Amino acid sequence: MKSIIDLNNFADGAVAERFNQELQKVLENIADPNTDPKKARKVTLTVTLKADEKRDLAMVSVTAKSTLVPATPIETKLVMDYDSKGRITGAELKSGIKGQTYIDEDGEISDDKGNKIVVLK
């Protein structure tokens, strides 16, 4: 079958250029370590044709669009408690277990919320 158009040259090469721009976005998204590598990405070219009244001309619009994978969610835990006025409050759990102390990245003892515990000698 003979080709009607060559996509590499269609619209002075703009269609191929737009496709390659979207493909670049997809490749960058695949390479991003914050995304799921196994989920599918897409590059879609939408070609829309509208004929005139005589049906001897068609206005052509080409849209290139990519569908990317969002970054994987970041998860953490909040320790929930009440403040001195009885209002609910929360703080990020740093120790791994509620109520447990741990040695922080500075080598000091901290409570489960990351507050330093001062030991008086």
PDB file of N, CA and C in Angstrom:
ATOM      1  N   MET A   1       0.847  -1.178   0.000  1.00  0.00           N
ATOM      2  CA  MET A   1       0.000   0.000   0.000  1.00  0.00           C
ATOM      3  C   MET A   1       0.892   1.240   0.000  1.00  0.00           C
ATOM      4  N   LYS A   2       0.557   2.181  -0.844  1.00  0.00           N
ATOM      5  CA  LYS A   2       1.315   3.418  -0.961  1.00  0.00           C
ATOM      6  C   LYS A   2       0.949   4.354   0.200  1.00  0.00           C
ATOM      7  N   SER A   3       1.969   5.014   0.783  1.00  0.00           N
ATOM      8  CA  SER A   3       1.731   5.959   1.875  1.00  0.00           C
ATOM      9  C   SER A   3       1.078   7.225   1.347  1.00  0.00           C
ATOM     10  N   ILE A   4       0.119   7.746   2.089  1.00  0.00           N
ATOM     11  CA  ILE A   4      -0.518   9.009   1.741  1.00  0.00           C
ATOM     12  C   ILE A   4       0.371  10.161   2.177  1.00  0.00           C
ATOM     13  N   ILE A   5       0.896  10.069   3.379  1.00  0.00           N
ATOM     14  CA  ILE A   5       1.813  11.103   3.882  1.00  0.00           C
ATOM     15  C   ILE A   5       2.991  10.442   4.585  1.00  0.00           C
ATOM     16  N   ASP A   6       4.085  11.155   4.666  1.00  0.00           N
ATOM     17  CA  ASP A   6       5.264  10.729   5.405  1.00  0.00           C
ATOM     18  C   ASP A   6       5.282  11.539   6.697  1.00  0.00           C
ATOM     19  N   LEU A   7       5.107  10.859   7.839  1.00  0.00           N
ATOM     20  CA  LEU A   7       5.026  11.575   9.120  1.00  0.00           C
ATOM     21  C   LEU A   7       6.305  12.332   9.448  1.00  0.00           C
ATOM     22  N   ASN A   8       7.427  11.914   8.910  1.00  0.00           N
ATOM     23  CA  ASN A   8       8.680  12.633   9.155  1.00  0.00           C
ATOM     24  C   ASN A   8       8.681  14.007   8.499  1.00  0.00           C
ATOM     25  N   ASN A   9       7.936  14.154   7.405  1.00  0.00           N
ATOM     26  CA  ASN A   9       7.910  15.422   6.674  1.00  0.00           C
ATOM     27  C   ASN A   9       6.588  16.169   6.823  1.00  0.00           C
ATOM     28  N   PHE A  10       5.592  15.560   7.428  1.00  0.00           N
ATOM     29  CA  PHE A  10       4.270  16.166   7.545  1.00  0.00           C
ATOM     30  C   PHE A  10       4.360  17.445   8.370  1.00  0.00           C
ATOM     31  N   ALA A  11       3.713  18.505   7.892  1.00  0.00           N
ATOM     32  CA  ALA A  11       3.727  19.832   8.544  1.00  0.00           C
ATOM     33  C   ALA A  11       5.159  20.317   8.723  1.00  0.00           C
ATOM     34  N   ASP A  12       5.944  20.163   7.683  1.00  0.00           N
ATOM     35  CA  ASP A  12       7.355  20.570   7.686  1.00  0.00           C
ATOM     36  C   ASP A  12       8.166  19.907   8.803  1.00  0.00           C
ATOM     37  N   GLY A  13       7.813  18.677   9.133  1.00  0.00           N
ATOM     38  CA  GLY A  13       8.543  17.932  10.160  1.00  0.00           C
ATOM     39  C   GLY A  13       8.089  18.206  11.580  1.00  0.00           C
ATOM     40  N   ALA A  14       7.093  19.069  11.750  1.00  0.00           N
ATOM     41  CA  ALA A  14       6.644  19.442  13.097  1.00  0.00           C
ATOM     42  C   ALA A  14       5.997  18.272  13.839  1.00  0.00           C
ATOM     43  N   VAL A  15       5.323  17.369  13.107  1.00  0.00           N
ATOM     44  CA  VAL A  15       4.672  16.225  13.762  1.00  0.00           C
ATOM     45  C   VAL A  15       5.729  15.316  14.386  1.00  0.00           C
ATOM     46  N   ALA A  16       6.770  15.001  13.642  1.00  0.00           N
ATOM     47  CA  ALA A  16       7.850  14.162  14.175  1.00  0.00           C
ATOM     48  C   ALA A  16       8.556  14.855  15.334  1.00  0.00           C
ATOM     49  N   GLU A  17       8.726  16.161  15.222  1.00  0.00           N
ATOM     50  CA  GLU A  17       9.374  16.920  16.295  1.00  0.00           C
ATOM     51  C   GLU A  17       8.556  16.857  17.575  1.00  0.00           C
ATOM     52  N   ARG A  18       7.238  17.044  17.463  1.00  0.00           N
ATOM     53  CA  ARG A  18       6.368  16.984  18.659  1.00  0.00           C
ATOM     54  C   ARG A  18       6.368  15.582  19.264  1.00  0.00           C
ATOM     55  N   PHE A  19       6.346  14.567  18.392  1.00  0.00           N
ATOM     56  CA  PHE A  19       6.395  13.198  18.892  1.00  0.00           C
ATOM     57  C   PHE A  19       7.680  12.982  19.691  1.00  0.00           C
ATOM     58  N   ASN A  20       8.798  13.427  19.158  1.00  0.00           N
ATOM     59  CA  ASN A  20      10.089  13.250  19.832  1.00  0.00           C
ATOM     60  C   ASN A  20      10.165  14.032  21.140  1.00  0.00           C
ATOM     61  N   GLN A  21       9.530  15.194  21.213  1.00  0.00           N
ATOM     62  CA  GLN A  21       9.494  15.959  22.464  1.00  0.00           C
ATOM     63  C   GLN A  21       8.754  15.173  23.549  1.00  0.00           C
ATOM     64  N   GLU A  22       7.615  14.594  23.183  1.00  0.00           N
ATOM     65  CA  GLU A  22       6.835  13.814  24.155  1.00  0.00           C
ATOM     66  C   GLU A  22       7.552  12.519  24.513  1.00  0.00           C
ATOM     67  N   LEU A  23       8.214  11.897  23.532  1.00  0.00           N
ATOM     68  CA  LEU A  23       8.983  10.687  23.796  1.00  0.00           C
ATOM     69  C   LEU A  23      10.115  10.986  24.779  1.00  0.00           C
ATOM     70  N   GLN A  24      10.743  12.140  24.654  1.00  0.00           N
ATOM     71  CA  GLN A  24      11.801  12.542  25.587  1.00  0.00           C
ATOM     72  C   GLN A  24      11.254  12.627  27.014  1.00  0.00           C
ATOM     73  N   LYS A  25      10.051  13.198  27.172  1.00  0.00           N
ATOM     74  CA  LYS A  25       9.425  13.285  28.501  1.00  0.00           C
ATOM     75  C   LYS A  25       9.195  11.890  29.081  1.00  0.00           C
ATOM     76  N   VAL A  26       8.728  10.974  28.237  1.00  0.00           N
ATOM     77  CA  VAL A  26       8.460   9.605  28.685  1.00  0.00           C
ATOM     78  C   VAL A  26       9.758   8.924  29.109  1.00  0.00           C
ATOM     79  N   LEU A  27      10.817   9.078  28.321  1.00  0.00           N
ATOM     80  CA  LEU A  27      12.095   8.454  28.664  1.00  0.00           C
ATOM     81  C   LEU A  27      12.661   9.016  29.969  1.00  0.00           C
ATOM     82  N   GLU A  28      12.523  10.325  30.177  1.00  0.00           N
ATOM     83  CA  GLU A  28      12.969  10.932  31.436  1.00  0.00           C
ATOM     84  C   GLU A  28      12.154  10.402  32.612  1.00  0.00           C
ATOM     85  N   ASN A  29      10.850  10.207  32.395  1.00  0.00           N
ATOM     86  CA  ASN A  29       9.985   9.677  33.442  1.00  0.00           C
ATOM     87  C   ASN A  29      10.364   8.238  33.780  1.00  0.00           C
ATOM     88  N   ILE A  30      10.703   7.450  32.776  1.00  0.00           N
ATOM     89  CA  ILE A  30      11.130   6.066  33.019  1.00  0.00           C
ATOM     90  C   ILE A  30      12.437   6.054  33.811  1.00  0.00           C
ATOM     91  N   ALA A  31      13.346   6.955  33.487  1.00  0.00           N
ATOM     92  CA  ALA A  31      14.651   7.009  34.158  1.00  0.00           C
ATOM     93  C   ALA A  31      14.569   7.566  35.576  1.00  0.00           C
ATOM     94  N   ASP A  32      13.483   8.234  35.937  1.00  0.00           N
ATOM     95  CA  ASP A  32      13.322   8.831  37.264  1.00  0.00           C
ATOM     96  C   ASP A  32      13.175   7.723  38.312  1.00  0.00           C
ATOM     97  N   PRO A  33      14.101   7.622  39.273  1.00  0.00           N
ATOM     98  CA  PRO A  33      14.022   6.555  40.278  1.00  0.00           C
ATOM     99  C   PRO A  33      12.832   6.701  41.231  1.00  0.00           C
ATOM    100  N   ASN A  34      12.138   7.817  41.183  1.00  0.00           N
ATOM    101  CA  ASN A  34      10.969   8.027  42.048  1.00  0.00           C
ATOM    102  C   ASN A  34       9.681   7.509  41.422  1.00  0.00           C
ATOM    103  N   THR A  35       9.740   6.914  40.232  1.00  0.00           N
ATOM    104  CA  THR A  35       8.545   6.382  39.575  1.00  0.00           C
ATOM    105  C   THR A  35       8.627   4.870  39.488  1.00  0.00           C
ATOM    106  N   ASP A  36       7.475   4.234  39.300  1.00  0.00           N
ATOM    107  CA  ASP A  36       7.392   2.781  39.157  1.00  0.00           C
ATOM    108  C   ASP A  36       7.850   2.409  37.747  1.00  0.00           C
ATOM    109  N   PRO A  37       8.946   1.667  37.614  1.00  0.00           N
ATOM    110  CA  PRO A  37       9.464   1.364  36.281  1.00  0.00           C
ATOM    111  C   PRO A  37       8.584   0.416  35.475  1.00  0.00           C
ATOM    112  N   LYS A  38       7.714  -0.334  36.137  1.00  0.00           N
ATOM    113  CA  LYS A  38       6.914  -1.333  35.439  1.00  0.00           C
ATOM    114  C   LYS A  38       5.593  -0.795  34.896  1.00  0.00           C
ATOM    115  N   LYS A  39       5.185   0.393  35.322  1.00  0.00           N
ATOM    116  CA  LYS A  39       3.931   0.964  34.823  1.00  0.00           C
ATOM    117  C   LYS A  39       4.129   1.526  33.425  1.00  0.00           C
ATOM    118  N   ALA A  40       3.098   1.395  32.614  1.00  0.00           N
ATOM    119  CA  ALA A  40       3.170   1.829  31.218  1.00  0.00           C
ATOM    120  C   ALA A  40       3.054   3.344  31.089  1.00  0.00           C
ATOM    121  N   ARG A  41       3.788   3.876  30.150  1.00  0.00           N
ATOM    122  CA  ARG A  41       3.682   5.274  29.744  1.00  0.00           C
ATOM    123  C   ARG A  41       3.171   5.270  28.313  1.00  0.00           C
ATOM    124  N   LYS A  42       2.645   6.419  27.858  1.00  0.00           N
ATOM    125  CA  LYS A  42       2.105   6.502  26.496  1.00  0.00           C
ATOM    126  C   LYS A  42       2.534   7.781  25.813  1.00  0.00           C
ATOM    127  N   VAL A  43       2.681   7.696  24.512  1.00  0.00           N
ATOM    128  CA  VAL A  43       2.779   8.874  23.657  1.00  0.00           C
ATOM    129  C   VAL A  43       1.632   8.736  22.666  1.00  0.00           C
ATOM    130  N   THR A  44       0.768   9.751  22.636  1.00  0.00           N
ATOM    131  CA  THR A  44      -0.403   9.718  21.767  1.00  0.00           C
ATOM    132  C   THR A  44      -0.333  10.856  20.771  1.00  0.00           C
ATOM    133  N   LEU A  45      -0.505  10.519  19.495  1.00  0.00           N
ATOM    134  CA  LEU A  45      -0.653  11.528  18.445  1.00  0.00           C
ATOM    135  C   LEU A  45      -2.110  11.510  18.035  1.00  0.00           C
ATOM    136  N   THR A  46      -2.771  12.641  18.161  1.00  0.00           N
ATOM    137  CA  THR A  46      -4.170  12.761  17.750  1.00  0.00           C
ATOM    138  C   THR A  46      -4.214  13.627  16.500  1.00  0.00           C
ATOM    139  N   VAL A  47      -4.725  13.041  15.435  1.00  0.00           N
ATOM    140  CA  VAL A  47      -4.846  13.753  14.163  1.00  0.00           C
ATOM    141  C   VAL A  47      -6.327  14.037  13.945  1.00  0.00           C
ATOM    142  N   THR A  48      -6.681  15.326  13.878  1.00  0.00           N
ATOM    143  CA  THR A  48      -8.069  15.745  13.692  1.00  0.00           C
ATOM    144  C   THR A  48      -8.192  16.412  12.326  1.00  0.00           C
ATOM    145  N   LEU A  49      -9.166  15.963  11.539  1.00  0.00           N
ATOM    146  CA  LEU A  49      -9.383  16.523  10.201  1.00  0.00           C
ATOM    147  C   LEU A  49     -10.781  17.117  10.127  1.00  0.00           C
ATOM    148  N   LYS A  50     -10.887  18.356   9.608  1.00  0.00           N
ATOM    149  CA  LYS A  50     -12.175  19.024   9.400  1.00  0.00           C
ATOM    150  C   LYS A  50     -12.244  19.473   7.952  1.00  0.00           C
ATOM    151  N   ALA A  51     -13.240  18.977   7.242  1.00  0.00           N
ATOM    152  CA  ALA A  51     -13.385  19.316   5.829  1.00  0.00           C
ATOM    153  C   ALA A  51     -14.128  20.641   5.675  1.00  0.00           C
ATOM    154  N   ASP A  52     -13.902  21.287   4.521  1.00  0.00           N
ATOM    155  CA  ASP A  52     -14.663  22.496   4.214  1.00  0.00           C
ATOM    156  C   ASP A  52     -15.985  22.093   3.559  1.00  0.00           C
ATOM    157  N   GLU A  53     -16.819  23.079   3.224  1.00  0.00           N
ATOM    158  CA  GLU A  53     -18.135  22.804   2.646  1.00  0.00           C
ATOM    159  C   GLU A  53     -18.054  22.044   1.313  1.00  0.00           C
ATOM    160  N   LYS A  54     -17.057  22.341   0.524  1.00  0.00           N
ATOM    161  CA  LYS A  54     -16.918  21.680  -0.774  1.00  0.00           C
ATOM    162  C   LYS A  54     -16.302  20.285  -0.649  1.00  0.00           C
ATOM    163  N   ARG A  55     -15.778  19.987   0.519  1.00  0.00           N
ATOM    164  CA  ARG A  55     -15.133  18.707   0.793  1.00  0.00           C
ATOM    165  C   ARG A  55     -13.906  18.456  -0.089  1.00  0.00           C
ATOM    166  N   ASP A  56     -13.254  19.546  -0.488  1.00  0.00           N
ATOM    167  CA  ASP A  56     -12.042  19.369  -1.277  1.00  0.00           C
ATOM    168  C   ASP A  56     -10.784  19.788  -0.513  1.00  0.00           C
ATOM    169  N   LEU A  57     -10.960  20.309   0.703  1.00  0.00           N
ATOM    170  CA  LEU A  57      -9.853  20.655   1.595  1.00  0.00           C
ATOM    171  C   LEU A  57     -10.171  20.151   3.000  1.00  0.00           C
ATOM    172  N   ALA A  58      -9.135  19.783   3.711  1.00  0.00           N
ATOM    173  CA  ALA A  58      -9.315  19.387   5.108  1.00  0.00           C
ATOM    174  C   ALA A  58      -8.285  20.130   5.940  1.00  0.00           C
ATOM    175  N   MET A  59      -8.760  20.770   6.989  1.00  0.00           N
ATOM    176  CA  MET A  59      -7.864  21.399   7.955  1.00  0.00           C
ATOM    177  C   MET A  59      -7.420  20.290   8.913  1.00  0.00           C
ATOM    178  N   VAL A  60      -6.122  20.172   9.091  1.00  0.00           N
ATOM    179  CA  VAL A  60      -5.577  19.097   9.909  1.00  0.00           C
ATOM    180  C   VAL A  60      -4.910  19.688  11.145  1.00  0.00           C
ATOM    181  N   SER A  61      -5.237  19.123  12.283  1.00  0.00           N
ATOM    182  CA  SER A  61      -4.634  19.517  13.550  1.00  0.00           C
ATOM    183  C   SER A  61      -4.033  18.263  14.168  1.00  0.00           C
ATOM    184  N   VAL A  62      -2.775  18.357  14.576  1.00  0.00           N
ATOM    185  CA  VAL A  62      -2.103  17.220  15.194  1.00  0.00           C
ATOM    186  C   VAL A  62      -1.673  17.621  16.597  1.00  0.00           C
ATOM    187  N   THR A  63      -2.061  16.802  17.569  1.00  0.00           N
ATOM    188  CA  THR A  63      -1.701  17.038  18.959  1.00  0.00           C
ATOM    189  C   THR A  63      -0.872  15.859  19.454  1.00  0.00           C
ATOM    190  N   ALA A  64       0.239  16.165  20.081  1.00  0.00           N
ATOM    191  CA  ALA A  64       1.076  15.132  20.697  1.00  0.00           C
ATOM    192  C   ALA A  64       0.938  15.259  22.207  1.00  0.00           C
ATOM    193  N   LYS A  65       0.734  14.128  22.868  1.00  0.00           N
ATOM    194  CA  LYS A  65       0.533  14.151  24.315  1.00  0.00           C
ATOM    195  C   LYS A  65       1.196  12.917  24.922  1.00  0.00           C
ATOM    196  N   SER A  66       1.795  13.101  26.072  1.00  0.00           N
ATOM    197  CA  SER A  66       2.372  11.954  26.769  1.00  0.00           C
ATOM    198  C   SER A  66       1.627  11.725  28.075  1.00  0.00           C
ATOM    199  N   THR A  67       1.550  10.469  28.458  1.00  0.00           N
ATOM    200  CA  THR A  67       0.973  10.088  29.742  1.00  0.00           C
ATOM    201  C   THR A  67       2.114   9.503  30.567  1.00  0.00           C
ATOM    202  N   LEU A  68       2.425  10.179  31.660  1.00  0.00           N
ATOM    203  CA  LEU A  68       3.552   9.790  32.496  1.00  0.00           C
ATOM    204  C   LEU A  68       3.068   9.087  33.758  1.00  0.00           C
ATOM    205  N   VAL A  69       3.987   8.472  34.455  1.00  0.00           N
ATOM    206  CA  VAL A  69       3.693   7.819  35.725  1.00  0.00           C
ATOM    207  C   VAL A  69       4.073   8.793  36.834  1.00  0.00           C
ATOM    208  N   PRO A  70       3.162   9.042  37.784  1.00  0.00           N
ATOM    209  CA  PRO A  70       3.503   9.971  38.874  1.00  0.00           C
ATOM    210  C   PRO A  70       4.559   9.373  39.803  1.00  0.00           C
ATOM    211  N   ALA A  71       5.196  10.233  40.535  1.00  0.00           N
ATOM    212  CA  ALA A  71       6.181   9.788  41.520  1.00  0.00           C
ATOM    213  C   ALA A  71       5.494   8.902  42.554  1.00  0.00           C
ATOM    214  N   THR A  72       6.231   7.921  43.051  1.00  0.00           N
ATOM    215  CA  THR A  72       5.659   7.029  44.053  1.00  0.00           C
ATOM    216  C   THR A  72       5.345   7.814  45.323  1.00  0.00           C
ATOM    217  N   PRO A  73       4.288   7.437  46.019  1.00  0.00           N
ATOM    218  CA  PRO A  73       3.917   8.166  47.235  1.00  0.00           C
ATOM    219  C   PRO A  73       5.005   8.060  48.312  1.00  0.00           C
ATOM    220  N   ILE A  74       5.104   9.087  49.106  1.00  0.00           N
ATOM    221  CA  ILE A  74       6.016   9.093  50.251  1.00  0.00           C
ATOM    222  C   ILE A  74       5.169   8.836  51.480  1.00  0.00           C
ATOM    223  N   GLU A  75       5.558   7.851  52.263  1.00  0.00           N
ATOM    224  CA  GLU A  75       4.767   7.501  53.436  1.00  0.00           C
ATOM    225  C   GLU A  75       5.553   7.736  54.710  1.00  0.00           C
ATOM    226  N   THR A  76       4.842   8.118  55.743  1.00  0.00           N
ATOM    227  CA  THR A  76       5.405   8.281  57.082  1.00  0.00           C
ATOM    228  C   THR A  76       4.270   8.050  58.075  1.00  0.00           C
ATOM    229  N   LYS A  77       4.562   8.164  59.341  1.00  0.00           N
ATOM    230  CA  LYS A  77       3.544   7.970  60.381  1.00  0.00           C
ATOM    231  C   LYS A  77       3.492   9.195  61.271  1.00  0.00           C
ATOM    232  N   LEU A  78       2.290   9.516  61.743  1.00  0.00           N
ATOM    233  CA  LEU A  78       2.094  10.604  62.703  1.00  0.00           C
ATOM    234  C   LEU A  78       1.674  10.014  64.039  1.00  0.00           C
ATOM    235  N   VAL A  79       2.308  10.505  65.103  1.00  0.00           N
ATOM    236  CA  VAL A  79       1.886  10.181  66.461  1.00  0.00           C
ATOM    237  C   VAL A  79       0.830  11.209  66.825  1.00  0.00           C
ATOM    238  N   MET A  80      -0.369  10.748  67.149  1.00  0.00           N
ATOM    239  CA  MET A  80      -1.457  11.668  67.483  1.00  0.00           C
ATOM    240  C   MET A  80      -1.606  11.751  69.002  1.00  0.00           C
ATOM    241  N   ASP A  81      -1.890  12.963  69.478  1.00  0.00           N
ATOM    242  CA  ASP A  81      -2.015  13.194  70.908  1.00  0.00           C
ATOM    243  C   ASP A  81      -2.853  14.452  71.104  1.00  0.00           C
ATOM    244  N   TYR A  82      -3.013  14.874  72.340  1.00  0.00           N
ATOM    245  CA  TYR A  82      -3.738  16.100  72.659  1.00  0.00           C
ATOM    246  C   TYR A  82      -2.771  17.089  73.279  1.00  0.00           C
ATOM    247  N   ASP A  83      -2.947  18.378  72.973  1.00  0.00           N
ATOM    248  CA  ASP A  83      -2.095  19.404  73.570  1.00  0.00           C
ATOM    249  C   ASP A  83      -2.661  19.794  74.941  1.00  0.00           C
ATOM    250  N   SER A  84      -2.047  20.773  75.587  1.00  0.00           N
ATOM    251  CA  SER A  84      -2.446  21.169  76.942  1.00  0.00           C
ATOM    252  C   SER A  84      -3.849  21.767  76.991  1.00  0.00           C
ATOM    253  N   LYS A  85      -4.381  22.192  75.853  1.00  0.00           N
ATOM    254  CA  LYS A  85      -5.735  22.757  75.804  1.00  0.00           C
ATOM    255  C   LYS A  85      -6.767  21.742  75.334  1.00  0.00           C
ATOM    256  N   GLY A  86      -6.362  20.479  75.178  1.00  0.00           N
ATOM    257  CA  GLY A  86      -7.295  19.425  74.794  1.00  0.00           C
ATOM    258  C   GLY A  86      -7.537  19.313  73.291  1.00  0.00           C
ATOM    259  N   ARG A  87      -6.768  20.040  72.485  1.00  0.00           N
ATOM    260  CA  ARG A  87      -6.921  19.964  71.025  1.00  0.00           C
ATOM    261  C   ARG A  87      -6.044  18.851  70.480  1.00  0.00           C
ATOM    262  N   ILE A  88      -6.544  18.174  69.448  1.00  0.00           N
ATOM    263  CA  ILE A  88      -5.774  17.104  68.822  1.00  0.00           C
ATOM    264  C   ILE A  88      -4.557  17.699  68.111  1.00  0.00           C
ATOM    265  N   THR A  89      -3.452  17.019  68.206  1.00  0.00           N
ATOM    266  CA  THR A  89      -2.225  17.463  67.562  1.00  0.00           C
ATOM    267  C   THR A  89      -1.484  16.232  67.062  1.00  0.00           C
ATOM    268  N   GLY A  90      -0.446  16.437  66.326  1.00  0.00           N
ATOM    269  CA  GLY A  90       0.319  15.310  65.809  1.00  0.00           C
ATOM    270  C   GLY A  90       1.760  15.704  65.556  1.00  0.00           C
ATOM    271  N   ALA A  91       2.616  14.708  65.511  1.00  0.00           N
ATOM    272  CA  ALA A  91       4.030  14.905  65.193  1.00  0.00           C
ATOM    273  C   ALA A  91       4.494  13.658  64.455  1.00  0.00           C
ATOM    274  N   GLU A  92       5.458  13.829  63.567  1.00  0.00           N
ATOM    275  CA  GLU A  92       5.961  12.685  62.819  1.00  0.00           C
ATOM    276  C   GLU A  92       6.662  11.707  63.753  1.00  0.00           C
ATOM    277  N   LEU A  93       6.352  10.425  63.588  1.00  0.00           N
ATOM    278  CA  LEU A  93       6.987   9.371  64.374  1.00  0.00           C
ATOM    279  C   LEU A  93       8.386   9.139  63.814  1.00  0.00           C
ATOM    280  N   LYS A  94       9.387   9.367  64.609  1.00  0.00           N
ATOM    281  CA  LYS A  94      10.776   9.228  64.163  1.00  0.00           C
ATOM    282  C   LYS A  94      11.408   7.909  64.588  1.00  0.00           C
ATOM    283  N   SER A  95      10.993   7.356  65.736  1.00  0.00           N
ATOM    284  CA  SER A  95      11.663   6.187  66.303  1.00  0.00           C
ATOM    285  C   SER A  95      11.252   4.872  65.653  1.00  0.00           C
ATOM    286  N   GLY A  96      10.104   4.831  65.019  1.00  0.00           N
ATOM    287  CA  GLY A  96       9.606   3.578  64.449  1.00  0.00           C
ATOM    288  C   GLY A  96       8.487   2.971  65.275  1.00  0.00           C
ATOM    289  N   ILE A  97       8.519   3.182  66.589  1.00  0.00           N
ATOM    290  CA  ILE A  97       7.478   2.657  67.480  1.00  0.00           C
ATOM    291  C   ILE A  97       7.088   3.754  68.454  1.00  0.00           C
ATOM    292  N   LYS A  98       5.789   3.965  68.606  1.00  0.00           N
ATOM    293  CA  LYS A  98       5.296   5.004  69.516  1.00  0.00           C
ATOM    294  C   LYS A  98       5.810   4.766  70.932  1.00  0.00           C
ATOM    295  N   GLY A  99       6.362   5.817  71.547  1.00  0.00           N
ATOM    296  CA  GLY A  99       6.851   5.763  72.912  1.00  0.00           C
ATOM    297  C   GLY A  99       8.294   5.293  73.041  1.00  0.00           C
ATOM    298  N   GLN A 100       8.910   4.876  71.954  1.00  0.00           N
ATOM    299  CA  GLN A 100      10.278   4.367  72.010  1.00  0.00           C
ATOM    300  C   GLN A 100      11.287   5.485  71.745  1.00  0.00           C
ATOM    301  N   THR A 101      12.352   5.499  72.519  1.00  0.00           N
ATOM    302  CA  THR A 101      13.443   6.437  72.249  1.00  0.00           C
ATOM    303  C   THR A 101      14.386   5.788  71.241  1.00  0.00           C
ATOM    304  N   TYR A 102      15.238   6.624  70.637  1.00  0.00           N
ATOM    305  CA  TYR A 102      16.196   6.098  69.663  1.00  0.00           C
ATOM    306  C   TYR A 102      17.395   7.022  69.600  1.00  0.00           C
ATOM    307  N   ILE A 103      18.454   6.552  68.973  1.00  0.00           N
ATOM    308  CA  ILE A 103      19.649   7.377  68.772  1.00  0.00           C
ATOM    309  C   ILE A 103      19.508   8.014  67.394  1.00  0.00           C
ATOM    310  N   ASP A 104      19.482   9.359  67.363  1.00  0.00           N
ATOM    311  CA  ASP A 104      19.261  10.063  66.094  1.00  0.00           C
ATOM    312  C   ASP A 104      20.538  10.131  65.254  1.00  0.00           C
ATOM    313  N   GLU A 105      20.451  10.797  64.101  1.00  0.00           N
ATOM    314  CA  GLU A 105      21.592  10.876  63.184  1.00  0.00           C
ATOM    315  C   GLU A 105      22.781  11.655  63.771  1.00  0.00           C
ATOM    316  N   ASP A 106      22.536  12.449  64.820  1.00  0.00           N
ATOM    317  CA  ASP A 106      23.623  13.175  65.495  1.00  0.00           C
ATOM    318  C   ASP A 106      24.257  12.336  66.607  1.00  0.00           C
ATOM    319  N   GLY A 107      23.723  11.118  66.825  1.00  0.00           N
ATOM    320  CA  GLY A 107      24.250  10.250  67.875  1.00  0.00           C
ATOM    321  C   GLY A 107      23.694  10.552  69.251  1.00  0.00           C
ATOM    322  N   GLU A 108      22.626  11.343  69.320  1.00  0.00           N
ATOM    323  CA  GLU A 108      22.023  11.701  70.600  1.00  0.00           C
ATOM    324  C   GLU A 108      20.698  10.962  70.785  1.00  0.00           C
ATOM    325  N   ILE A 109      20.294  10.816  72.048  1.00  0.00           N
ATOM    326  CA  ILE A 109      19.041  10.131  72.355  1.00  0.00           C
ATOM    327  C   ILE A 109      17.881  11.098  72.144  1.00  0.00           C
ATOM    328  N   SER A 110      16.876  10.628  71.408  1.00  0.00           N
ATOM    329  CA  SER A 110      15.690  11.447  71.125  1.00  0.00           C
ATOM    330  C   SER A 110      14.440  10.642  71.432  1.00  0.00           C
ATOM    331  N   ASP A 111      13.325  11.371  71.680  1.00  0.00           N
ATOM    332  CA  ASP A 111      12.056  10.676  71.889  1.00  0.00           C
ATOM    333  C   ASP A 111      11.484  10.252  70.535  1.00  0.00           C
ATOM    334  N   ASP A 112      10.308   9.622  70.572  1.00  0.00           N
ATOM    335  CA  ASP A 112       9.730   9.072  69.341  1.00  0.00           C
ATOM    336  C   ASP A 112       9.378  10.127  68.292  1.00  0.00           C
ATOM    337  N   LYS A 113       9.350  11.411  68.698  1.00  0.00           N
ATOM    338  CA  LYS A 113       9.038  12.504  67.769  1.00  0.00           C
ATOM    339  C   LYS A 113      10.294  13.214  67.278  1.00  0.00           C
ATOM    340  N   GLY A 114      11.462  12.766  67.741  1.00  0.00           N
ATOM    341  CA  GLY A 114      12.709  13.389  67.299  1.00  0.00           C
ATOM    342  C   GLY A 114      13.233  14.492  68.211  1.00  0.00           C
ATOM    343  N   ASN A 115      12.555  14.722  69.348  1.00  0.00           N
ATOM    344  CA  ASN A 115      13.021  15.746  70.292  1.00  0.00           C
ATOM    345  C   ASN A 115      14.166  15.172  71.115  1.00  0.00           C
ATOM    346  N   LYS A 116      15.243  15.933  71.245  1.00  0.00           N
ATOM    347  CA  LYS A 116      16.414  15.485  72.001  1.00  0.00           C
ATOM    348  C   LYS A 116      16.060  15.329  73.478  1.00  0.00           C
ATOM    349  N   ILE A 117      16.567  14.266  74.071  1.00  0.00           N
ATOM    350  CA  ILE A 117      16.353  14.020  75.500  1.00  0.00           C
ATOM    351  C   ILE A 117      17.653  14.412  76.202  1.00  0.00           C
ATOM    352  N   VAL A 118      17.540  15.336  77.117  1.00  0.00           N
ATOM    353  CA  VAL A 118      18.720  15.825  77.841  1.00  0.00           C
ATOM    354  C   VAL A 118      18.892  14.950  79.075  1.00  0.00           C
ATOM    355  N   VAL A 119      20.066  14.362  79.197  1.00  0.00           N
ATOM    356  CA  VAL A 119      20.387  13.520  80.350  1.00  0.00           C
ATOM    357  C   VAL A 119      21.307  14.332  81.259  1.00  0.00           C
ATOM    358  N   LEU A 120      20.828  14.593  82.463  1.00  0.00           N
ATOM    359  CA  LEU A 120      21.621  15.336  83.453  1.00  0.00           C
ATOM    360  C   LEU A 120      22.419  14.358  84.277  1.00  0.00           C
ATOM    361  N   LYS A 121      23.684  14.673  84.483  1.00  0.00           N
ATOM    362  CA  LYS A 121      24.552  13.769  85.260  1.00  0.00           C
ATOM    363  C   LYS A 121      24.731  14.304  86.650  1.00  0.00           C
TER     364      LYS A 121
END
